[in-house]
Amino acid sequence: WILNGNKRWITNAGISKYYTVMASTDPEKGPKGIS
């Protein structure tokens, strides 16, 4: 998967080694197209 975009207000960003990121994989499905 190729991820593009940005997220804001991420707590402990730059300290954490891993990030659980929500992104749209099918925009036409709205919330049901988020992975």
All heavy atoms as atom14 arrays in JSON, in Angstrom:
{
  "sequence": "WILNGNKRWITNAGISKYYTVMASTDPEKGPKGIS",
  "atom14_mask": [
    [1, 1, 1, 1, 1, 1, 1, 1, 1, 1, 1, 1, 1, 1],
    [1, 1, 1, 1, 1, 1, 1, 1, 0, 0, 0, 0, 0, 0],
    [1, 1, 1, 1, 1, 1, 1, 1, 0, 0, 0, 0, 0, 0],
    [1, 1, 1, 1, 1, 1, 1, 1, 0, 0, 0, 0, 0, 0],
    [1, 1, 1, 1, 0, 0, 0, 0, 0, 0, 0, 0, 0, 0],
    [1, 1, 1, 1, 1, 1, 1, 1, 0, 0, 0, 0, 0, 0],
    [1, 1, 1, 1, 1, 1, 1, 1, 1, 0, 0, 0, 0, 0],
    [1, 1, 1, 1, 1, 1, 1, 1, 1, 1, 1, 0, 0, 0],
    [1, 1, 1, 1, 1, 1, 1, 1, 1, 1, 1, 1, 1, 1],
    [1, 1, 1, 1, 1, 1, 1, 1, 0, 0, 0, 0, 0, 0],
    [1, 1, 1, 1, 1, 1, 1, 0, 0, 0, 0, 0, 0, 0],
    [1, 1, 1, 1, 1, 1, 1, 1, 0, 0, 0, 0, 0, 0],
    [1, 1, 1, 1, 1, 0, 0, 0, 0, 0, 0, 0, 0, 0],
    [1, 1, 1, 1, 0, 0, 0, 0, 0, 0, 0, 0, 0, 0],
    [1, 1, 1, 1, 1, 1, 1, 1, 0, 0, 0, 0, 0, 0],
    [1, 1, 1, 1, 1, 1, 0, 0, 0, 0, 0, 0, 0, 0],
    [1, 1, 1, 1, 1, 1, 1, 1, 1, 0, 0, 0, 0, 0],
    [1, 1, 1, 1, 1, 1, 1, 1, 1, 1, 1, 1, 0, 0],
    [1, 1, 1, 1, 1, 1, 1, 1, 1, 1, 1, 1, 0, 0],
    [1, 1, 1, 1, 1, 1, 1, 0, 0, 0, 0, 0, 0, 0],
    [1, 1, 1, 1, 1, 1, 1, 0, 0, 0, 0, 0, 0, 0],
    [1, 1, 1, 1, 1, 1, 1, 1, 0, 0, 0, 0, 0, 0],
    [1, 1, 1, 1, 1, 0, 0, 0, 0, 0, 0, 0, 0, 0],
    [1, 1, 1, 1, 1, 1, 0, 0, 0, 0, 0, 0, 0, 0],
    [1, 1, 1, 1, 1, 1, 1, 0, 0, 0, 0, 0, 0, 0],
    [1, 1, 1, 1, 1, 1, 1, 1, 0, 0, 0, 0, 0, 0],
    [1, 1, 1, 1, 1, 1, 1, 0, 0, 0, 0, 0, 0, 0],
    [1, 1, 1, 1, 1, 1, 1, 1, 1, 0, 0, 0, 0, 0],
    [1, 1, 1, 1, 1, 1, 1, 1, 1, 0, 0, 0, 0, 0],
    [1, 1, 1, 1, 0, 0, 0, 0, 0, 0, 0, 0, 0, 0],
    [1, 1, 1, 1, 1, 1, 1, 0, 0, 0, 0, 0, 0, 0],
    [1, 1, 1, 1, 1, 1, 1, 1, 1, 0, 0, 0, 0, 0],
    [1, 1, 1, 1, 0, 0, 0, 0, 0, 0, 0, 0, 0, 0],
    [1, 1, 1, 1, 1, 1, 1, 1, 0, 0, 0, 0, 0, 0],
    [1, 1, 1, 1, 1, 1, 0, 0, 0, 0, 0, 0, 0, 0]
  ],
  "atom14_positions": [
    [[0.86, -1.18, 0.0], [0.0, 0.0, 0.0], [0.89, 1.24, 0.0], [1.93, 1.27, 0.67], [-0.91, 0.02, 1.23], [-1.93, -1.07, 1.26], [-1.79, -2.33, 1.74], [-3.26, -0.99, 0.74], [-2.94, -3.05, 1.59], [-3.87, -2.25, 0.98], [-4.01, 0.01, 0.13], [-5.19, -2.52, 0.61], [-5.32, -0.25, -0.23], [-5.9, -1.51, 0.0]],
    [[0.49, 2.25, -0.76], [1.24, 3.51, -0.81], [0.41, 4.55, -0.07], [-0.71, 4.88, -0.46], [1.51, 3.97, -2.25], [2.22, 2.86, -3.05], [2.33, 5.25, -2.24], [3.55, 2.46, -2.48], [0.0, 0.0, 0.0], [0.0, 0.0, 0.0], [0.0, 0.0, 0.0], [0.0, 0.0, 0.0], [0.0, 0.0, 0.0], [0.0, 0.0, 0.0]],
    [[0.98, 5.08, 1.01], [0.27, 6.01, 1.9], [0.72, 7.44, 1.66], [1.91, 7.75, 1.64], [0.53, 5.62, 3.36], [-0.03, 6.54, 4.45], [-1.56, 6.56, 4.4], [0.46, 6.09, 5.83], [0.0, 0.0, 0.0], [0.0, 0.0, 0.0], [0.0, 0.0, 0.0], [0.0, 0.0, 0.0], [0.0, 0.0, 0.0], [0.0, 0.0, 0.0]],
    [[-0.27, 8.33, 1.47], [-0.01, 9.75, 1.34], [-1.0, 10.53, 2.22], [-2.14, 10.1, 2.42], [-0.16, 10.21, -0.12], [1.04, 9.84, -0.97], [2.08, 10.48, -0.92], [0.87, 8.77, -1.75], [0.0, 0.0, 0.0], [0.0, 0.0, 0.0], [0.0, 0.0, 0.0], [0.0, 0.0, 0.0], [0.0, 0.0, 0.0], [0.0, 0.0, 0.0]],
    [[-0.54, 11.68, 2.72], [-1.42, 12.51, 3.54], [-0.7, 13.01, 4.77], [0.54, 12.98, 4.85], [0.0, 0.0, 0.0], [0.0, 0.0, 0.0], [0.0, 0.0, 0.0], [0.0, 0.0, 0.0], [0.0, 0.0, 0.0], [0.0, 0.0, 0.0], [0.0, 0.0, 0.0], [0.0, 0.0, 0.0], [0.0, 0.0, 0.0], [0.0, 0.0, 0.0]],
    [[-1.46, 13.48, 5.73], [-0.85, 13.93, 6.98], [-1.85, 13.82, 8.13], [-3.06, 13.77, 7.93], [-0.3, 15.35, 6.87], [-1.38, 16.4, 6.65], [-2.27, 16.21, 5.84], [-1.28, 17.5, 7.36], [0.0, 0.0, 0.0], [0.0, 0.0, 0.0], [0.0, 0.0, 0.0], [0.0, 0.0, 0.0], [0.0, 0.0, 0.0], [0.0, 0.0, 0.0]],
    [[-1.32, 13.75, 9.33], [-2.1, 13.66, 10.55], [-1.64, 14.76, 11.5], [-0.47, 15.14, 11.52], [-1.91, 12.29, 11.22], [-2.41, 11.12, 10.38], [-3.93, 11.11, 10.26], [-4.42, 9.94, 9.43], [-5.91, 9.92, 9.35], [0.0, 0.0, 0.0], [0.0, 0.0, 0.0], [0.0, 0.0, 0.0], [0.0, 0.0, 0.0], [0.0, 0.0, 0.0]],
    [[-2.59, 15.24, 12.31], [-2.26, 16.35, 13.2], [-2.61, 16.03, 14.65], [-3.43, 15.17, 14.92], [-3.0, 17.62, 12.77], [-2.41, 18.89, 13.37], [-2.85, 20.11, 12.64], [-1.94, 21.23, 12.9], [-2.06, 22.43, 12.35], [-3.04, 22.66, 11.49], [-1.21, 23.38, 12.64], [0.0, 0.0, 0.0], [0.0, 0.0, 0.0], [0.0, 0.0, 0.0]],
    [[-1.97, 16.73, 15.56], [-2.19, 16.6, 17.01], [-1.81, 15.2, 17.5], [-2.52, 14.62, 18.33], [-3.64, 16.89, 17.38], [-4.24, 18.12, 16.76], [-5.36, 18.17, 15.97], [-3.77, 19.47, 16.88], [-5.61, 19.47, 15.58], [-4.65, 20.29, 16.12], [-2.69, 20.06, 17.55], [-4.49, 21.66, 16.03], [-2.53, 21.44, 17.44], [-3.42, 22.22, 16.7]],
    [[-0.7, 14.67, 17.03], [-0.31, 13.32, 17.4], [0.59, 13.35, 18.64], [1.71, 13.86, 18.6], [0.38, 12.6, 16.23], [-0.49, 12.71, 14.95], [0.65, 11.14, 16.6], [-1.93, 12.25, 15.12], [0.0, 0.0, 0.0], [0.0, 0.0, 0.0], [0.0, 0.0, 0.0], [0.0, 0.0, 0.0], [0.0, 0.0, 0.0], [0.0, 0.0, 0.0]],
    [[0.07, 12.79, 19.71], [0.77, 12.81, 21.0], [1.96, 11.86, 20.99], [1.88, 10.74, 20.5], [-0.2, 12.42, 22.12], [-1.38, 13.23, 22.03], [0.43, 12.63, 23.49], [0.0, 0.0, 0.0], [0.0, 0.0, 0.0], [0.0, 0.0, 0.0], [0.0, 0.0, 0.0], [0.0, 0.0, 0.0], [0.0, 0.0, 0.0], [0.0, 0.0, 0.0]],
    [[3.05, 12.33, 21.56], [4.32, 11.61, 21.63], [4.92, 11.31, 20.26], [5.74, 10.4, 20.1], [4.21, 10.33, 22.46], [4.1, 10.62, 23.95], [4.32, 11.75, 24.38], [3.75, 9.62, 24.73], [0.0, 0.0, 0.0], [0.0, 0.0, 0.0], [0.0, 0.0, 0.0], [0.0, 0.0, 0.0], [0.0, 0.0, 0.0], [0.0, 0.0, 0.0]],
    [[4.51, 12.08, 19.26], [5.12, 11.95, 17.93], [6.6, 12.33, 18.01], [6.97, 13.31, 18.65], [4.4, 12.85, 16.93], [0.0, 0.0, 0.0], [0.0, 0.0, 0.0], [0.0, 0.0, 0.0], [0.0, 0.0, 0.0], [0.0, 0.0, 0.0], [0.0, 0.0, 0.0], [0.0, 0.0, 0.0], [0.0, 0.0, 0.0], [0.0, 0.0, 0.0]],
    [[7.41, 11.55, 17.36], [8.85, 11.76, 17.41], [9.51, 10.97, 18.53], [10.72, 10.75, 18.51], [0.0, 0.0, 0.0], [0.0, 0.0, 0.0], [0.0, 0.0, 0.0], [0.0, 0.0, 0.0], [0.0, 0.0, 0.0], [0.0, 0.0, 0.0], [0.0, 0.0, 0.0], [0.0, 0.0, 0.0], [0.0, 0.0, 0.0], [0.0, 0.0, 0.0]],
    [[8.72, 10.52, 19.48], [9.19, 9.66, 20.55], [8.83, 8.21, 20.24], [9.63, 7.29, 20.41], [8.59, 10.07, 21.91], [8.98, 11.51, 22.25], [9.0, 9.11, 23.0], [10.46, 11.73, 22.44], [0.0, 0.0, 0.0], [0.0, 0.0, 0.0], [0.0, 0.0, 0.0], [0.0, 0.0, 0.0], [0.0, 0.0, 0.0], [0.0, 0.0, 0.0]],
    [[7.61, 8.02, 19.75], [7.14, 6.67, 19.44], [7.88, 6.08, 18.25], [8.23, 6.78, 17.3], [5.64, 6.68, 19.16], [4.9, 6.98, 20.33], [0.0, 0.0, 0.0], [0.0, 0.0, 0.0], [0.0, 0.0, 0.0], [0.0, 0.0, 0.0], [0.0, 0.0, 0.0], [0.0, 0.0, 0.0], [0.0, 0.0, 0.0], [0.0, 0.0, 0.0]],
    [[8.06, 4.77, 18.32], [8.68, 4.05, 17.21], [7.64, 3.62, 16.19], [7.94, 3.48, 15.0], [9.42, 2.82, 17.76], [10.18, 2.01, 16.73], [10.95, 0.87, 17.38], [11.74, 0.06, 16.36], [12.5, -1.04, 17.02], [0.0, 0.0, 0.0], [0.0, 0.0, 0.0], [0.0, 0.0, 0.0], [0.0, 0.0, 0.0], [0.0, 0.0, 0.0]],
    [[6.4, 3.42, 16.66], [5.32, 2.94, 15.79], [4.1, 3.84, 15.91], [3.86, 4.45, 16.96], [4.94, 1.51, 16.17], [6.08, 0.52, 16.1], [6.51, -0.15, 17.24], [6.73, 0.26, 14.89], [7.56, -1.06, 17.19], [7.78, -0.63, 14.83], [8.2, -1.28, 15.98], [9.25, -2.17, 15.91], [0.0, 0.0, 0.0], [0.0, 0.0, 0.0]],
    [[3.3, 3.88, 14.82], [2.11, 4.71, 14.76], [0.96, 3.91, 14.14], [1.13, 3.34, 13.06], [2.35, 5.96, 13.91], [3.47, 6.83, 14.46], [4.8, 6.54, 14.19], [3.19, 7.92, 15.27], [5.84, 7.31, 14.71], [4.22, 8.71, 15.8], [5.54, 8.39, 15.51], [6.55, 9.16, 16.03], [0.0, 0.0, 0.0], [0.0, 0.0, 0.0]],
    [[-0.17, 3.87, 14.84], [-1.37, 3.28, 14.26], [-2.06, 4.38, 13.48], [-2.55, 5.36, 14.05], [-2.31, 2.74, 15.35], [-1.61, 1.77, 16.13], [-3.52, 2.08, 14.72], [0.0, 0.0, 0.0], [0.0, 0.0, 0.0], [0.0, 0.0, 0.0], [0.0, 0.0, 0.0], [0.0, 0.0, 0.0], [0.0, 0.0, 0.0], [0.0, 0.0, 0.0]],
    [[-2.09, 4.24, 12.16], [-2.56, 5.31, 11.27], [-3.83, 4.87, 10.54], [-3.87, 3.78, 9.96], [-1.46, 5.67, 10.25], [-1.97, 6.75, 9.28], [-0.2, 6.14, 10.97], [0.0, 0.0, 0.0], [0.0, 0.0, 0.0], [0.0, 0.0, 0.0], [0.0, 0.0, 0.0], [0.0, 0.0, 0.0], [0.0, 0.0, 0.0], [0.0, 0.0, 0.0]],
    [[-4.84, 5.71, 10.58], [-6.07, 5.47, 9.83], [-6.01, 6.22, 8.5], [-5.66, 7.41, 8.46], [-7.29, 5.95, 10.63], [-7.37, 5.39, 12.03], [-7.54, 3.6, 12.06], [-7.13, 3.26, 13.79], [0.0, 0.0, 0.0], [0.0, 0.0, 0.0], [0.0, 0.0, 0.0], [0.0, 0.0, 0.0], [0.0, 0.0, 0.0], [0.0, 0.0, 0.0]],
    [[-6.34, 5.54, 7.43], [-6.32, 6.15, 6.1], [-7.43, 5.56, 5.24], [-7.84, 4.42, 5.44], [-4.96, 5.94, 5.43], [0.0, 0.0, 0.0], [0.0, 0.0, 0.0], [0.0, 0.0, 0.0], [0.0, 0.0, 0.0], [0.0, 0.0, 0.0], [0.0, 0.0, 0.0], [0.0, 0.0, 0.0], [0.0, 0.0, 0.0], [0.0, 0.0, 0.0]],
    [[-7.9, 6.35, 4.29], [-8.95, 5.88, 3.39], [-8.35, 4.99, 2.31], [-7.4, 5.38, 1.63], [-9.66, 7.08, 2.74], [-10.61, 6.64, 1.81], [0.0, 0.0, 0.0], [0.0, 0.0, 0.0], [0.0, 0.0, 0.0], [0.0, 0.0, 0.0], [0.0, 0.0, 0.0], [0.0, 0.0, 0.0], [0.0, 0.0, 0.0], [0.0, 0.0, 0.0]],
    [[-8.91, 3.8, 2.16], [-8.49, 2.9, 1.08], [-9.57, 2.81, 0.0], [-9.33, 2.26, -1.06], [-8.21, 1.49, 1.64], [-9.29, 1.07, 2.48], [-6.92, 1.5, 2.45], [0.0, 0.0, 0.0], [0.0, 0.0, 0.0], [0.0, 0.0, 0.0], [0.0, 0.0, 0.0], [0.0, 0.0, 0.0], [0.0, 0.0, 0.0], [0.0, 0.0, 0.0]],
    [[-10.75, 3.36, 0.28], [-11.84, 3.41, -0.7], [-12.72, 4.6, -0.34], [-13.72, 4.45, 0.38], [-12.65, 2.12, -0.68], [-13.63, 2.03, -1.86], [-13.92, 3.08, -2.47], [-14.1, 0.92, -2.16], [0.0, 0.0, 0.0], [0.0, 0.0, 0.0], [0.0, 0.0, 0.0], [0.0, 0.0, 0.0], [0.0, 0.0, 0.0], [0.0, 0.0, 0.0]],
    [[-12.38, 5.8, -0.83], [-13.1, 7.02, -0.46], [-14.6, 6.97, -0.74], [-15.38, 7.62, -0.03], [-12.42, 8.1, -1.31], [-11.06, 7.56, -1.6], [-11.24, 6.08, -1.74], [0.0, 0.0, 0.0], [0.0, 0.0, 0.0], [0.0, 0.0, 0.0], [0.0, 0.0, 0.0], [0.0, 0.0, 0.0], [0.0, 0.0, 0.0], [0.0, 0.0, 0.0]],
    [[-15.01, 6.22, -1.75], [-16.43, 6.16, -2.09], [-17.27, 5.5, -1.0], [-18.48, 5.72, -0.92], [-16.62, 5.43, -3.42], [-16.02, 6.17, -4.61], [-16.3, 5.45, -5.92], [-16.97, 4.38, -5.88], [-15.87, 5.95, -6.97], [0.0, 0.0, 0.0], [0.0, 0.0, 0.0], [0.0, 0.0, 0.0], [0.0, 0.0, 0.0], [0.0, 0.0, 0.0]],
    [[-16.64, 4.72, -0.16], [-17.37, 4.01, 0.9], [-17.42, 4.79, 2.21], [-18.02, 4.32, 3.18], [-16.74, 2.64, 1.14], [-16.91, 1.67, -0.01], [-16.32, 0.31, 0.33], [-16.52, -0.69, -0.8], [-15.94, -2.03, -0.47], [0.0, 0.0, 0.0], [0.0, 0.0, 0.0], [0.0, 0.0, 0.0], [0.0, 0.0, 0.0], [0.0, 0.0, 0.0]],
    [[-16.82, 5.98, 2.24], [-16.85, 6.78, 3.47], [-16.15, 6.06, 4.61], [-15.08, 5.47, 4.43], [0.0, 0.0, 0.0], [0.0, 0.0, 0.0], [0.0, 0.0, 0.0], [0.0, 0.0, 0.0], [0.0, 0.0, 0.0], [0.0, 0.0, 0.0], [0.0, 0.0, 0.0], [0.0, 0.0, 0.0], [0.0, 0.0, 0.0], [0.0, 0.0, 0.0]],
    [[-16.76, 6.06, 5.81], [-16.13, 5.4, 6.96], [-15.85, 3.92, 6.72], [-14.88, 3.37, 7.26], [-17.16, 5.58, 8.08], [-17.93, 6.8, 7.68], [-18.0, 6.76, 6.19], [0.0, 0.0, 0.0], [0.0, 0.0, 0.0], [0.0, 0.0, 0.0], [0.0, 0.0, 0.0], [0.0, 0.0, 0.0], [0.0, 0.0, 0.0], [0.0, 0.0, 0.0]],
    [[-16.68, 3.27, 5.91], [-16.47, 1.84, 5.63], [-15.32, 1.6, 4.66], [-14.96, 0.44, 4.4], [-17.76, 1.23, 5.08], [-18.9, 1.19, 6.09], [-20.14, 0.53, 5.54], [-21.25, 0.48, 6.58], [-22.48, -0.17, 6.05], [0.0, 0.0, 0.0], [0.0, 0.0, 0.0], [0.0, 0.0, 0.0], [0.0, 0.0, 0.0], [0.0, 0.0, 0.0]],
    [[-14.75, 2.68, 4.16], [-13.58, 2.56, 3.29], [-12.29, 2.98, 3.96], [-11.29, 3.24, 3.29], [0.0, 0.0, 0.0], [0.0, 0.0, 0.0], [0.0, 0.0, 0.0], [0.0, 0.0, 0.0], [0.0, 0.0, 0.0], [0.0, 0.0, 0.0], [0.0, 0.0, 0.0], [0.0, 0.0, 0.0], [0.0, 0.0, 0.0], [0.0, 0.0, 0.0]],
    [[-12.31, 3.06, 5.3], [-11.12, 3.44, 6.07], [-10.45, 2.19, 6.61], [-11.11, 1.27, 7.11], [-11.5, 4.39, 7.22], [-11.98, 5.73, 6.65], [-10.32, 4.6, 8.17], [-12.56, 6.67, 7.68], [0.0, 0.0, 0.0], [0.0, 0.0, 0.0], [0.0, 0.0, 0.0], [0.0, 0.0, 0.0], [0.0, 0.0, 0.0], [0.0, 0.0, 0.0]],
    [[-9.13, 2.15, 6.51], [-8.35, 1.01, 7.0], [-7.27, 1.5, 7.95], [-6.88, 2.67, 7.93], [-7.71, 0.24, 5.83], [-8.7, -0.21, 4.93], [0.0, 0.0, 0.0], [0.0, 0.0, 0.0], [0.0, 0.0, 0.0], [0.0, 0.0, 0.0], [0.0, 0.0, 0.0], [0.0, 0.0, 0.0], [0.0, 0.0, 0.0], [0.0, 0.0, 0.0]]
  ]
}
